[in-house]
Amino acid sequence: MVMYVNAQNMQLQVLLKAGACLPVGNFHKANLETGSFTLTGLEGGVELRALSGRFIAGLESGISMNPVDVGMLGYEKVHADPFLKDLYIRSEAFRVIRLLAAPGYRYQVSKRITAEGQALAGLFMSATPYQLYKADYYMVAPAMYEITSARDNSFAYGAQCRLIWESNPYFQLGVSAQYLHSEAAFSFIRNGETRVDKRNISQINTSINLILRLWEPKH
């Protein structure tokens, strides 16, 4: 099949988005072996889009930040260590920067409303949170210690759907939901030994969108 793109019908847009990032699966799970203990956080991004007829060619860059459930993390660590009486944890958020290709398809629902679907694939640049621990042991042991942030780049994929309302020819408003998944591996060094923690990063991003027209050929 050969697809022809007519420059006379092409439109260039920029899409700005902001909303909530919901961790799902093991990314949200409170488990020391496989979970990341993350909570609902914030996400934002920008997408450059080329439209031709019903087809979309997009490139999205964005960031999501999910706080850590330090209460549940401390409970699980105390439960797993018989020598630990109590544990206080301060933690940064789990951070993911994404760069995704976003081809898709558009369908005109009514005169002013358009529905879109996009496939997503690209790169996750993930960073685990820096954490400071204050421990209360039954025996003599370090009272304060830290876990520094670890980073990994991994392949990510997913899908996105969006409803758009065209208020005027120059800008549009939309709501979107996207599911993204990646499998990352984070390296930690302790006592001269390297430990690799494999983590699934799965998230549902829901956002409000502002779409601005950059260029459209004059007819």
N, C-alpha and C. Protein backbone atom coordinates (compact mmCIF):
# COMPACT_ATOMS: atom_id res chain seq x y z
N MET A 1 0.85 -1.18 0.00
CA MET A 1 0.00 0.00 0.00
C MET A 1 0.89 1.24 0.00
N VAL A 2 0.56 2.22 -0.82
CA VAL A 2 1.31 3.47 -0.91
C VAL A 2 0.42 4.59 -0.43
N MET A 3 0.93 5.41 0.50
CA MET A 3 0.16 6.54 1.00
C MET A 3 0.80 7.83 0.51
N TYR A 4 0.02 8.68 -0.13
CA TYR A 4 0.49 9.95 -0.63
C TYR A 4 0.09 11.06 0.35
N VAL A 5 1.03 11.93 0.67
CA VAL A 5 0.76 13.05 1.55
C VAL A 5 0.77 14.32 0.72
N ASN A 6 -0.34 15.02 0.71
CA ASN A 6 -0.49 16.25 -0.04
C ASN A 6 -0.18 17.43 0.86
N ALA A 7 0.86 18.18 0.52
CA ALA A 7 1.26 19.31 1.36
C ALA A 7 0.17 20.36 1.45
N GLN A 8 -0.71 20.42 0.44
CA GLN A 8 -1.78 21.41 0.47
C GLN A 8 -2.78 21.13 1.59
N ASN A 9 -2.85 19.89 2.05
CA ASN A 9 -3.80 19.51 3.09
C ASN A 9 -3.15 19.38 4.47
N MET A 10 -1.86 19.65 4.55
CA MET A 10 -1.13 19.43 5.80
C MET A 10 -1.27 20.62 6.73
N GLN A 11 -1.31 20.33 8.04
CA GLN A 11 -1.34 21.36 9.07
C GLN A 11 -0.35 20.98 10.17
N LEU A 12 0.41 21.95 10.64
CA LEU A 12 1.35 21.75 11.73
C LEU A 12 0.77 22.35 13.00
N GLN A 13 0.87 21.59 14.10
CA GLN A 13 0.32 22.03 15.38
C GLN A 13 1.32 21.76 16.50
N VAL A 14 1.15 22.47 17.60
CA VAL A 14 1.84 22.15 18.84
C VAL A 14 0.77 21.91 19.91
N LEU A 15 0.94 20.85 20.67
CA LEU A 15 -0.02 20.46 21.70
C LEU A 15 0.66 20.53 23.06
N LEU A 16 0.07 21.29 23.98
CA LEU A 16 0.56 21.39 25.35
C LEU A 16 -0.40 20.64 26.26
N LYS A 17 0.15 19.86 27.20
CA LYS A 17 -0.70 19.02 28.04
C LYS A 17 -0.22 19.05 29.48
N ALA A 18 -1.17 18.91 30.41
CA ALA A 18 -0.85 18.82 31.83
C ALA A 18 -1.96 18.04 32.51
N GLY A 19 -1.58 17.20 33.48
CA GLY A 19 -2.59 16.40 34.14
C GLY A 19 -2.01 15.52 35.22
N ALA A 20 -2.64 14.36 35.40
CA ALA A 20 -2.28 13.43 36.48
C ALA A 20 -1.66 12.17 35.90
N CYS A 21 -0.70 11.61 36.64
CA CYS A 21 -0.05 10.35 36.28
C CYS A 21 -0.42 9.30 37.32
N LEU A 22 -1.16 8.28 36.89
CA LEU A 22 -1.60 7.22 37.80
C LEU A 22 -0.71 5.98 37.61
N PRO A 23 0.06 5.59 38.63
CA PRO A 23 0.86 4.37 38.52
C PRO A 23 -0.03 3.14 38.61
N VAL A 24 0.25 2.13 37.80
CA VAL A 24 -0.54 0.91 37.81
C VAL A 24 0.40 -0.30 37.85
N GLY A 25 -0.16 -1.44 38.22
CA GLY A 25 0.61 -2.68 38.25
C GLY A 25 1.71 -2.63 39.30
N ASN A 26 2.85 -3.22 38.99
CA ASN A 26 3.97 -3.27 39.93
C ASN A 26 4.56 -1.90 40.22
N PHE A 27 4.36 -0.95 39.31
CA PHE A 27 4.88 0.40 39.55
C PHE A 27 4.20 1.03 40.77
N HIS A 28 2.97 0.65 41.02
CA HIS A 28 2.23 1.15 42.19
C HIS A 28 2.32 0.20 43.38
N LYS A 29 2.64 -1.05 43.14
CA LYS A 29 2.55 -2.10 44.15
C LYS A 29 3.49 -1.87 45.33
N ALA A 30 3.01 -2.16 46.54
CA ALA A 30 3.80 -2.06 47.77
C ALA A 30 4.47 -3.40 48.04
N ASN A 31 5.55 -3.67 47.32
CA ASN A 31 6.27 -4.94 47.44
C ASN A 31 7.76 -4.65 47.31
N LEU A 32 8.56 -5.12 48.28
CA LEU A 32 9.99 -4.80 48.27
C LEU A 32 10.74 -5.46 47.13
N GLU A 33 10.26 -6.57 46.61
CA GLU A 33 10.96 -7.29 45.56
C GLU A 33 10.64 -6.74 44.17
N THR A 34 9.37 -6.41 43.93
CA THR A 34 8.97 -6.04 42.57
C THR A 34 8.30 -4.67 42.47
N GLY A 35 7.86 -4.11 43.59
CA GLY A 35 7.09 -2.88 43.54
C GLY A 35 7.93 -1.62 43.66
N SER A 36 7.29 -0.47 43.37
CA SER A 36 7.97 0.83 43.47
C SER A 36 7.30 1.77 44.46
N PHE A 37 6.16 1.38 45.05
CA PHE A 37 5.50 2.15 46.12
C PHE A 37 5.10 3.55 45.66
N THR A 38 4.81 3.76 44.40
CA THR A 38 4.50 5.10 43.92
C THR A 38 3.01 5.42 44.06
N LEU A 39 2.73 6.71 44.18
CA LEU A 39 1.38 7.24 44.27
C LEU A 39 1.07 8.10 43.05
N THR A 40 -0.19 8.50 42.93
CA THR A 40 -0.58 9.37 41.82
C THR A 40 0.19 10.68 41.87
N GLY A 41 0.72 11.08 40.72
CA GLY A 41 1.52 12.29 40.65
C GLY A 41 1.08 13.19 39.51
N LEU A 42 2.00 14.00 39.03
CA LEU A 42 1.74 14.98 37.99
C LEU A 42 2.49 14.62 36.72
N GLU A 43 1.92 15.01 35.59
CA GLU A 43 2.60 14.81 34.32
C GLU A 43 2.31 15.99 33.41
N GLY A 44 3.25 16.25 32.49
CA GLY A 44 3.07 17.31 31.50
C GLY A 44 3.91 17.01 30.29
N GLY A 45 3.58 17.67 29.17
CA GLY A 45 4.34 17.40 27.98
C GLY A 45 3.97 18.32 26.84
N VAL A 46 4.69 18.16 25.75
CA VAL A 46 4.45 18.91 24.53
C VAL A 46 4.57 17.96 23.36
N GLU A 47 3.70 18.11 22.38
CA GLU A 47 3.72 17.26 21.19
C GLU A 47 3.71 18.13 19.94
N LEU A 48 4.63 17.89 19.05
CA LEU A 48 4.63 18.52 17.74
C LEU A 48 3.92 17.58 16.79
N ARG A 49 2.94 18.12 16.02
CA ARG A 49 2.05 17.27 15.23
C ARG A 49 1.96 17.79 13.80
N ALA A 50 1.95 16.84 12.87
CA ALA A 50 1.66 17.14 11.47
C ALA A 50 0.41 16.35 11.10
N LEU A 51 -0.62 17.06 10.61
CA LEU A 51 -1.87 16.45 10.22
C LEU A 51 -2.02 16.48 8.71
N SER A 52 -2.43 15.37 8.16
CA SER A 52 -2.72 15.29 6.72
C SER A 52 -3.95 14.41 6.55
N GLY A 53 -5.08 15.05 6.23
CA GLY A 53 -6.32 14.30 6.14
C GLY A 53 -6.67 13.72 7.50
N ARG A 54 -6.82 12.40 7.56
CA ARG A 54 -7.14 11.73 8.82
C ARG A 54 -5.92 11.19 9.55
N PHE A 55 -4.73 11.42 9.01
CA PHE A 55 -3.53 10.83 9.59
C PHE A 55 -2.75 11.85 10.42
N ILE A 56 -2.08 11.33 11.47
CA ILE A 56 -1.29 12.14 12.39
C ILE A 56 0.13 11.59 12.44
N ALA A 57 1.10 12.49 12.39
CA ALA A 57 2.49 12.15 12.67
C ALA A 57 2.94 13.05 13.82
N GLY A 58 3.23 12.47 14.98
CA GLY A 58 3.54 13.28 16.16
C GLY A 58 4.83 12.85 16.83
N LEU A 59 5.42 13.79 17.56
CA LEU A 59 6.60 13.54 18.39
C LEU A 59 6.35 14.20 19.74
N GLU A 60 6.30 13.39 20.80
CA GLU A 60 5.96 13.89 22.13
C GLU A 60 7.15 13.82 23.07
N SER A 61 7.31 14.87 23.85
CA SER A 61 8.28 14.90 24.94
C SER A 61 7.54 15.29 26.21
N GLY A 62 7.82 14.60 27.32
CA GLY A 62 7.10 14.90 28.55
C GLY A 62 7.82 14.39 29.78
N ILE A 63 7.25 14.71 30.93
CA ILE A 63 7.82 14.28 32.20
C ILE A 63 6.69 13.92 33.15
N SER A 64 6.92 12.91 33.97
CA SER A 64 5.98 12.54 35.03
C SER A 64 6.75 12.39 36.33
N MET A 65 6.10 12.77 37.43
CA MET A 65 6.71 12.68 38.76
C MET A 65 5.70 12.06 39.71
N ASN A 66 6.07 10.92 40.29
CA ASN A 66 5.19 10.20 41.21
C ASN A 66 5.80 10.16 42.59
N PRO A 67 5.12 10.72 43.61
CA PRO A 67 5.63 10.62 44.98
C PRO A 67 5.64 9.17 45.47
N VAL A 68 6.45 8.93 46.47
CA VAL A 68 6.59 7.59 47.05
C VAL A 68 5.77 7.50 48.33
N ASP A 69 5.08 6.40 48.51
CA ASP A 69 4.32 6.13 49.73
C ASP A 69 5.31 5.70 50.82
N VAL A 70 5.90 6.68 51.49
CA VAL A 70 6.96 6.37 52.46
C VAL A 70 6.41 5.64 53.69
N GLY A 71 5.14 5.88 54.02
CA GLY A 71 4.55 5.16 55.14
C GLY A 71 4.49 3.67 54.90
N MET A 72 4.01 3.28 53.73
CA MET A 72 3.92 1.86 53.40
C MET A 72 5.31 1.26 53.17
N LEU A 73 6.23 2.03 52.57
CA LEU A 73 7.58 1.53 52.36
C LEU A 73 8.26 1.26 53.70
N GLY A 74 8.11 2.18 54.65
CA GLY A 74 8.71 1.96 55.97
C GLY A 74 8.10 0.77 56.68
N TYR A 75 6.78 0.60 56.55
CA TYR A 75 6.10 -0.54 57.19
C TYR A 75 6.64 -1.86 56.64
N GLU A 76 6.79 -1.95 55.32
CA GLU A 76 7.26 -3.19 54.71
C GLU A 76 8.70 -3.49 55.10
N LYS A 77 9.54 -2.45 55.22
CA LYS A 77 10.94 -2.68 55.60
C LYS A 77 11.05 -3.10 57.06
N VAL A 78 10.26 -2.49 57.92
CA VAL A 78 10.27 -2.92 59.33
C VAL A 78 9.76 -4.35 59.47
N HIS A 79 8.71 -4.69 58.72
CA HIS A 79 8.16 -6.04 58.76
C HIS A 79 9.16 -7.07 58.26
N ALA A 80 10.04 -6.68 57.32
CA ALA A 80 10.99 -7.63 56.72
C ALA A 80 12.27 -7.76 57.54
N ASP A 81 12.55 -6.84 58.46
CA ASP A 81 13.80 -6.85 59.22
C ASP A 81 13.49 -7.04 60.71
N PRO A 82 13.80 -8.19 61.30
CA PRO A 82 13.45 -8.44 62.71
C PRO A 82 14.24 -7.58 63.70
N PHE A 83 15.34 -6.96 63.26
CA PHE A 83 16.16 -6.12 64.14
C PHE A 83 15.76 -4.64 64.09
N LEU A 84 14.78 -4.31 63.24
CA LEU A 84 14.39 -2.92 63.03
C LEU A 84 13.10 -2.62 63.79
N LYS A 85 13.16 -1.63 64.70
CA LYS A 85 11.97 -1.25 65.47
C LYS A 85 11.12 -0.24 64.74
N ASP A 86 11.76 0.76 64.14
CA ASP A 86 11.01 1.82 63.48
C ASP A 86 11.90 2.43 62.39
N LEU A 87 11.26 3.09 61.41
CA LEU A 87 12.01 3.65 60.29
C LEU A 87 11.30 4.89 59.78
N TYR A 88 12.05 5.98 59.68
CA TYR A 88 11.55 7.22 59.11
C TYR A 88 12.24 7.44 57.77
N ILE A 89 11.46 7.75 56.73
CA ILE A 89 12.01 7.88 55.38
C ILE A 89 11.60 9.22 54.78
N ARG A 90 12.56 9.92 54.21
CA ARG A 90 12.29 11.08 53.36
C ARG A 90 12.67 10.72 51.94
N SER A 91 11.79 11.01 51.00
CA SER A 91 12.01 10.53 49.63
C SER A 91 11.61 11.58 48.61
N GLU A 92 12.41 11.68 47.55
CA GLU A 92 12.02 12.44 46.39
C GLU A 92 10.98 11.65 45.59
N ALA A 93 10.49 12.24 44.52
CA ALA A 93 9.54 11.55 43.64
C ALA A 93 10.28 10.67 42.64
N PHE A 94 9.60 9.65 42.17
CA PHE A 94 10.09 8.81 41.07
C PHE A 94 9.86 9.60 39.78
N ARG A 95 10.90 9.82 38.98
CA ARG A 95 10.83 10.71 37.83
C ARG A 95 11.03 9.94 36.52
N VAL A 96 10.20 10.23 35.54
CA VAL A 96 10.33 9.64 34.20
C VAL A 96 10.24 10.75 33.16
N ILE A 97 11.27 10.85 32.33
CA ILE A 97 11.24 11.73 31.15
C ILE A 97 11.03 10.85 29.94
N ARG A 98 10.10 11.24 29.07
CA ARG A 98 9.77 10.40 27.92
C ARG A 98 9.98 11.16 26.61
N LEU A 99 10.35 10.41 25.58
CA LEU A 99 10.44 10.92 24.22
C LEU A 99 9.84 9.86 23.31
N LEU A 100 8.68 10.18 22.69
CA LEU A 100 7.89 9.17 22.01
C LEU A 100 7.48 9.61 20.61
N ALA A 101 7.52 8.69 19.67
CA ALA A 101 6.88 8.88 18.38
C ALA A 101 5.40 8.53 18.54
N ALA A 102 4.52 9.31 17.86
CA ALA A 102 3.09 9.16 18.10
C ALA A 102 2.29 9.23 16.79
N PRO A 103 2.39 8.22 15.93
CA PRO A 103 1.53 8.19 14.74
C PRO A 103 0.10 7.87 15.13
N GLY A 104 -0.85 8.36 14.35
CA GLY A 104 -2.23 8.12 14.73
C GLY A 104 -3.23 8.38 13.62
N TYR A 105 -4.50 8.34 14.01
CA TYR A 105 -5.63 8.45 13.07
C TYR A 105 -6.70 9.33 13.70
N ARG A 106 -7.35 10.16 12.90
CA ARG A 106 -8.38 11.08 13.36
C ARG A 106 -9.73 10.72 12.76
N TYR A 107 -10.78 10.99 13.53
CA TYR A 107 -12.13 10.76 13.04
C TYR A 107 -13.01 11.94 13.46
N GLN A 108 -13.68 12.53 12.49
CA GLN A 108 -14.55 13.67 12.75
C GLN A 108 -15.89 13.18 13.30
N VAL A 109 -16.12 13.42 14.58
CA VAL A 109 -17.36 12.99 15.22
C VAL A 109 -18.50 13.92 14.86
N SER A 110 -18.24 15.23 14.90
CA SER A 110 -19.22 16.24 14.53
C SER A 110 -18.47 17.43 13.95
N LYS A 111 -19.18 18.51 13.72
CA LYS A 111 -18.54 19.67 13.11
C LYS A 111 -17.39 20.21 13.94
N ARG A 112 -17.51 20.16 15.26
CA ARG A 112 -16.49 20.73 16.14
C ARG A 112 -15.74 19.71 17.00
N ILE A 113 -16.13 18.46 16.97
CA ILE A 113 -15.51 17.45 17.83
C ILE A 113 -14.81 16.39 16.98
N THR A 114 -13.56 16.11 17.35
CA THR A 114 -12.74 15.11 16.67
C THR A 114 -12.23 14.11 17.69
N ALA A 115 -12.22 12.83 17.31
CA ALA A 115 -11.63 11.78 18.13
C ALA A 115 -10.33 11.32 17.50
N GLU A 116 -9.34 11.03 18.34
CA GLU A 116 -8.04 10.57 17.85
C GLU A 116 -7.58 9.32 18.58
N GLY A 117 -6.83 8.51 17.88
CA GLY A 117 -6.14 7.38 18.49
C GLY A 117 -4.70 7.37 17.99
N GLN A 118 -3.76 7.12 18.91
CA GLN A 118 -2.34 7.14 18.55
C GLN A 118 -1.62 5.95 19.18
N ALA A 119 -0.70 5.37 18.42
CA ALA A 119 0.24 4.41 18.98
C ALA A 119 1.46 5.18 19.47
N LEU A 120 2.09 4.69 20.54
CA LEU A 120 3.22 5.39 21.15
C LEU A 120 4.39 4.44 21.31
N ALA A 121 5.58 4.91 20.95
CA ALA A 121 6.79 4.09 21.14
C ALA A 121 7.99 5.02 21.20
N GLY A 122 8.94 4.69 22.08
CA GLY A 122 10.12 5.54 22.19
C GLY A 122 10.95 5.21 23.41
N LEU A 123 11.38 6.25 24.13
CA LEU A 123 12.38 6.12 25.19
C LEU A 123 11.86 6.66 26.51
N PHE A 124 12.11 5.89 27.58
CA PHE A 124 11.92 6.35 28.95
C PHE A 124 13.31 6.61 29.55
N MET A 125 13.51 7.81 30.12
CA MET A 125 14.71 8.12 30.90
C MET A 125 14.25 8.24 32.35
N SER A 126 14.45 7.17 33.11
CA SER A 126 13.86 7.06 34.45
C SER A 126 14.91 7.27 35.53
N ALA A 127 14.46 7.83 36.66
CA ALA A 127 15.35 8.04 37.82
C ALA A 127 14.61 7.65 39.08
N THR A 128 15.18 6.73 39.84
CA THR A 128 14.61 6.37 41.13
C THR A 128 14.84 7.51 42.12
N PRO A 129 14.05 7.62 43.16
CA PRO A 129 14.18 8.76 44.08
C PRO A 129 15.38 8.64 45.02
N TYR A 130 15.99 9.79 45.31
CA TYR A 130 16.96 9.85 46.40
C TYR A 130 16.18 9.73 47.70
N GLN A 131 16.66 8.88 48.63
CA GLN A 131 15.95 8.64 49.89
C GLN A 131 16.91 8.71 51.07
N LEU A 132 16.42 9.33 52.14
CA LEU A 132 17.18 9.42 53.39
C LEU A 132 16.43 8.63 54.46
N TYR A 133 17.14 7.71 55.13
CA TYR A 133 16.55 6.82 56.12
C TYR A 133 17.07 7.15 57.53
N LYS A 134 16.16 7.18 58.48
CA LYS A 134 16.51 7.28 59.90
C LYS A 134 15.93 6.06 60.59
N ALA A 135 16.81 5.17 61.01
CA ALA A 135 16.37 3.86 61.51
C ALA A 135 16.54 3.76 63.02
N ASP A 136 15.66 2.99 63.64
CA ASP A 136 15.73 2.69 65.07
C ASP A 136 15.83 1.17 65.20
N TYR A 137 17.07 0.70 65.51
CA TYR A 137 17.33 -0.74 65.61
C TYR A 137 17.30 -1.22 67.06
N TYR A 138 17.07 -2.51 67.23
CA TYR A 138 17.17 -3.13 68.54
C TYR A 138 18.62 -3.27 68.98
N MET A 139 19.52 -3.28 68.00
CA MET A 139 20.93 -3.43 68.27
C MET A 139 21.67 -2.22 67.70
N VAL A 140 22.97 -2.14 67.99
CA VAL A 140 23.77 -1.03 67.50
C VAL A 140 23.92 -1.14 65.99
N ALA A 141 23.55 -0.07 65.27
CA ALA A 141 23.64 -0.04 63.82
C ALA A 141 23.57 1.42 63.38
N PRO A 142 23.97 1.72 62.16
CA PRO A 142 23.90 3.11 61.70
C PRO A 142 22.48 3.66 61.79
N ALA A 143 22.33 4.82 62.43
CA ALA A 143 21.00 5.40 62.61
C ALA A 143 20.53 6.13 61.36
N MET A 144 21.47 6.63 60.56
CA MET A 144 21.12 7.38 59.35
C MET A 144 21.86 6.78 58.16
N TYR A 145 21.15 6.63 57.06
CA TYR A 145 21.81 6.22 55.82
C TYR A 145 20.96 6.69 54.65
N GLU A 146 21.53 6.66 53.46
CA GLU A 146 20.85 7.17 52.27
C GLU A 146 20.92 6.16 51.14
N ILE A 147 19.96 6.28 50.24
CA ILE A 147 19.98 5.53 48.98
C ILE A 147 19.96 6.55 47.87
N THR A 148 21.04 6.61 47.11
CA THR A 148 21.14 7.60 46.05
C THR A 148 20.31 7.19 44.83
N SER A 149 20.02 8.16 44.00
CA SER A 149 19.19 7.91 42.82
C SER A 149 19.95 7.08 41.78
N ALA A 150 19.23 6.19 41.13
CA ALA A 150 19.77 5.40 40.02
C ALA A 150 18.98 5.72 38.76
N ARG A 151 19.64 5.62 37.60
CA ARG A 151 19.01 5.99 36.34
C ARG A 151 19.11 4.87 35.32
N ASP A 152 18.14 4.85 34.41
CA ASP A 152 18.18 3.88 33.32
C ASP A 152 17.39 4.42 32.14
N ASN A 153 17.85 4.08 30.94
CA ASN A 153 17.12 4.38 29.71
C ASN A 153 16.54 3.08 29.17
N SER A 154 15.26 3.09 28.86
CA SER A 154 14.60 1.86 28.43
C SER A 154 13.56 2.15 27.36
N PHE A 155 13.26 1.14 26.57
CA PHE A 155 12.23 1.25 25.53
C PHE A 155 10.85 1.29 26.16
N ALA A 156 10.00 2.17 25.66
CA ALA A 156 8.64 2.31 26.18
C ALA A 156 7.65 2.26 25.03
N TYR A 157 6.44 1.80 25.33
CA TYR A 157 5.40 1.72 24.31
C TYR A 157 4.04 1.89 24.96
N GLY A 158 3.04 2.17 24.16
CA GLY A 158 1.70 2.32 24.69
C GLY A 158 0.73 2.84 23.64
N ALA A 159 -0.36 3.42 24.10
CA ALA A 159 -1.41 3.93 23.21
C ALA A 159 -2.08 5.13 23.87
N GLN A 160 -2.76 5.92 23.04
CA GLN A 160 -3.38 7.14 23.52
C GLN A 160 -4.68 7.40 22.76
N CYS A 161 -5.67 7.93 23.47
CA CYS A 161 -6.90 8.37 22.84
C CYS A 161 -7.20 9.80 23.29
N ARG A 162 -7.90 10.54 22.44
CA ARG A 162 -8.12 11.96 22.72
C ARG A 162 -9.41 12.43 22.09
N LEU A 163 -10.14 13.31 22.78
CA LEU A 163 -11.28 14.02 22.23
C LEU A 163 -10.93 15.50 22.15
N ILE A 164 -11.20 16.12 20.99
CA ILE A 164 -10.81 17.51 20.74
C ILE A 164 -12.04 18.32 20.37
N TRP A 165 -12.14 19.50 20.98
CA TRP A 165 -13.19 20.45 20.64
C TRP A 165 -12.55 21.65 19.98
N GLU A 166 -12.97 21.96 18.76
CA GLU A 166 -12.41 23.09 18.01
C GLU A 166 -13.22 24.34 18.31
N SER A 167 -12.66 25.20 19.13
CA SER A 167 -13.35 26.43 19.50
C SER A 167 -13.23 27.49 18.42
N ASN A 168 -12.08 27.53 17.72
CA ASN A 168 -11.90 28.42 16.58
C ASN A 168 -10.77 27.84 15.71
N PRO A 169 -10.50 28.40 14.54
CA PRO A 169 -9.50 27.80 13.65
C PRO A 169 -8.07 27.84 14.18
N TYR A 170 -7.80 28.65 15.22
CA TYR A 170 -6.43 28.86 15.65
C TYR A 170 -6.03 28.02 16.86
N PHE A 171 -6.96 27.66 17.71
CA PHE A 171 -6.61 26.78 18.82
C PHE A 171 -7.79 25.88 19.16
N GLN A 172 -7.46 24.74 19.79
CA GLN A 172 -8.44 23.73 20.15
C GLN A 172 -8.18 23.28 21.58
N LEU A 173 -9.21 22.74 22.21
CA LEU A 173 -9.10 22.17 23.55
C LEU A 173 -9.39 20.67 23.49
N GLY A 174 -8.69 19.91 24.32
CA GLY A 174 -8.88 18.46 24.30
C GLY A 174 -8.67 17.83 25.65
N VAL A 175 -9.11 16.59 25.76
CA VAL A 175 -8.82 15.74 26.92
C VAL A 175 -8.24 14.43 26.37
N SER A 176 -7.23 13.91 27.05
CA SER A 176 -6.58 12.71 26.54
C SER A 176 -6.25 11.76 27.68
N ALA A 177 -6.10 10.49 27.31
CA ALA A 177 -5.66 9.45 28.24
C ALA A 177 -4.67 8.56 27.50
N GLN A 178 -3.56 8.27 28.14
CA GLN A 178 -2.55 7.41 27.52
C GLN A 178 -2.06 6.37 28.52
N TYR A 179 -1.77 5.18 27.99
CA TYR A 179 -1.17 4.11 28.78
C TYR A 179 0.24 3.89 28.26
N LEU A 180 1.23 3.86 29.18
CA LEU A 180 2.62 3.65 28.81
C LEU A 180 3.23 2.57 29.70
N HIS A 181 4.13 1.79 29.11
CA HIS A 181 4.79 0.71 29.86
C HIS A 181 6.24 0.60 29.42
N SER A 182 7.11 0.33 30.39
CA SER A 182 8.52 0.10 30.11
C SER A 182 9.09 -0.82 31.18
N GLU A 183 10.18 -1.48 30.85
CA GLU A 183 10.88 -2.35 31.80
C GLU A 183 12.29 -1.82 31.98
N ALA A 184 12.56 -1.29 33.17
CA ALA A 184 13.85 -0.66 33.46
C ALA A 184 14.68 -1.52 34.40
N ALA A 185 16.00 -1.27 34.41
CA ALA A 185 16.92 -1.98 35.30
C ALA A 185 17.82 -0.93 35.95
N PHE A 186 17.76 -0.82 37.28
CA PHE A 186 18.50 0.18 38.02
C PHE A 186 19.64 -0.47 38.80
N SER A 187 20.83 0.09 38.68
CA SER A 187 22.01 -0.46 39.34
C SER A 187 22.32 0.32 40.62
N PHE A 188 22.53 -0.42 41.71
CA PHE A 188 22.89 0.18 43.00
C PHE A 188 24.19 -0.48 43.48
N ILE A 189 25.07 0.33 44.07
CA ILE A 189 26.34 -0.18 44.60
C ILE A 189 26.31 -0.10 46.12
N ARG A 190 26.55 -1.26 46.78
CA ARG A 190 26.57 -1.30 48.24
C ARG A 190 27.68 -2.24 48.68
N ASN A 191 28.54 -1.74 49.56
CA ASN A 191 29.68 -2.52 50.06
C ASN A 191 30.53 -3.07 48.92
N GLY A 192 30.69 -2.26 47.88
CA GLY A 192 31.53 -2.66 46.76
C GLY A 192 30.88 -3.61 45.78
N GLU A 193 29.63 -4.00 46.01
CA GLU A 193 28.93 -4.92 45.13
C GLU A 193 27.79 -4.20 44.41
N THR A 194 27.55 -4.61 43.17
CA THR A 194 26.50 -3.99 42.35
C THR A 194 25.25 -4.87 42.36
N ARG A 195 24.13 -4.25 42.66
CA ARG A 195 22.84 -4.94 42.63
C ARG A 195 21.96 -4.28 41.58
N VAL A 196 21.31 -5.09 40.77
CA VAL A 196 20.43 -4.58 39.72
C VAL A 196 18.98 -4.89 40.09
N ASP A 197 18.19 -3.83 40.21
CA ASP A 197 16.76 -3.98 40.49
C ASP A 197 15.97 -3.76 39.20
N LYS A 198 15.26 -4.78 38.77
CA LYS A 198 14.42 -4.65 37.58
C LYS A 198 13.03 -4.21 38.00
N ARG A 199 12.54 -3.17 37.35
CA ARG A 199 11.24 -2.61 37.71
C ARG A 199 10.40 -2.35 36.46
N ASN A 200 9.14 -2.76 36.53
CA ASN A 200 8.17 -2.39 35.50
C ASN A 200 7.63 -1.00 35.81
N ILE A 201 7.62 -0.14 34.80
CA ILE A 201 7.07 1.20 34.95
C ILE A 201 5.83 1.28 34.06
N SER A 202 4.66 1.26 34.69
CA SER A 202 3.39 1.32 33.96
C SER A 202 2.59 2.50 34.51
N GLN A 203 2.09 3.32 33.60
CA GLN A 203 1.37 4.51 34.05
C GLN A 203 0.23 4.86 33.10
N ILE A 204 -0.81 5.43 33.66
CA ILE A 204 -1.92 5.98 32.89
C ILE A 204 -1.90 7.50 33.11
N ASN A 205 -1.73 8.24 32.03
CA ASN A 205 -1.68 9.69 32.11
C ASN A 205 -2.98 10.28 31.57
N THR A 206 -3.65 11.06 32.37
CA THR A 206 -4.85 11.77 31.93
C THR A 206 -4.56 13.26 31.98
N SER A 207 -4.96 13.99 30.94
CA SER A 207 -4.54 15.38 30.86
C SER A 207 -5.54 16.25 30.10
N ILE A 208 -5.43 17.55 30.35
CA ILE A 208 -6.11 18.58 29.59
C ILE A 208 -5.13 19.09 28.53
N ASN A 209 -5.61 19.29 27.31
CA ASN A 209 -4.74 19.66 26.20
C ASN A 209 -5.13 21.01 25.60
N LEU A 210 -4.12 21.78 25.24
CA LEU A 210 -4.30 23.00 24.46
C LEU A 210 -3.53 22.82 23.16
N ILE A 211 -4.23 22.93 22.03
CA ILE A 211 -3.63 22.69 20.72
C ILE A 211 -3.61 23.99 19.94
N LEU A 212 -2.42 24.41 19.49
CA LEU A 212 -2.25 25.65 18.75
C LEU A 212 -1.83 25.35 17.32
N ARG A 213 -2.42 26.02 16.38
CA ARG A 213 -2.05 25.85 14.98
C ARG A 213 -0.80 26.66 14.68
N LEU A 214 0.25 25.99 14.17
CA LEU A 214 1.49 26.67 13.81
C LEU A 214 1.52 27.12 12.35
N TRP A 215 1.02 26.23 11.49
CA TRP A 215 1.11 26.53 10.05
C TRP A 215 0.08 25.72 9.29
N GLU A 216 -0.48 26.34 8.29
CA GLU A 216 -1.40 25.68 7.38
C GLU A 216 -1.30 26.36 6.03
N PRO A 217 -1.19 25.60 4.93
CA PRO A 217 -1.04 26.24 3.61
C PRO A 217 -2.25 27.07 3.26
N LYS A 218 -1.98 28.19 2.59
CA LYS A 218 -3.08 29.04 2.14
C LYS A 218 -3.69 28.45 0.87
N HIS A 219 -5.00 28.44 0.83
CA HIS A 219 -5.69 27.85 -0.32
C HIS A 219 -5.96 28.94 -1.37
